Amino acid sequence: LVIFVTNAYATTAVIVNKTNPVSDISYNELKQILEAKNQYWDNREKITLIFKPVASNETRTLIDKVYKIKYEDFDKYWFWKIYKNEIMEFPKILNSSGTINILVSEMSGAIAFIGVNDVSKRGNIKILKINGKMPDEDGYPFK
């Protein structure tokens, strides 16, 4: 018996500033960034993580697929990183996809996670390929 569950939410896109030299990132490299094990791009620019709130589908997708923790432990995860001096500041949490698009457009080191349908067609942003796959391709990890 095979049961297909339709997800009413869009695929999560990984967006960065267009000036970022990265266009394709491996899932493992992205995981290192998401876990704050890598906090700098190859050009030595500081990475700024931008998430939607924990209640959002985009952030829950990342928690399920990357962090593998309970949703209610997401804040504790970052508090613990600060406590252990592994990071100097919390990721930015923003409600609005529009605001996230603007911030990524203005911050060359930013990386954010929003619904693929919410990615601005204007502005200074691009969608990263993950393992050579765009969000609309089979094998993309955040569907």
Foldseek 3Di string as FASTA:
>chain_A
DDDDDDDPAFFKFKKAFLVQPAAEAAPVVVLCCVLLVDQAHPVRHGAAEEEEQLPDPFNVLCCVPRVVDDSVCPVVSQVVCVVVVSDVDDHHYDHDLVVVLVVRLVDRRYIYIDGPVSHDPDGRMDTHHYVNHGRVDPPGRRD
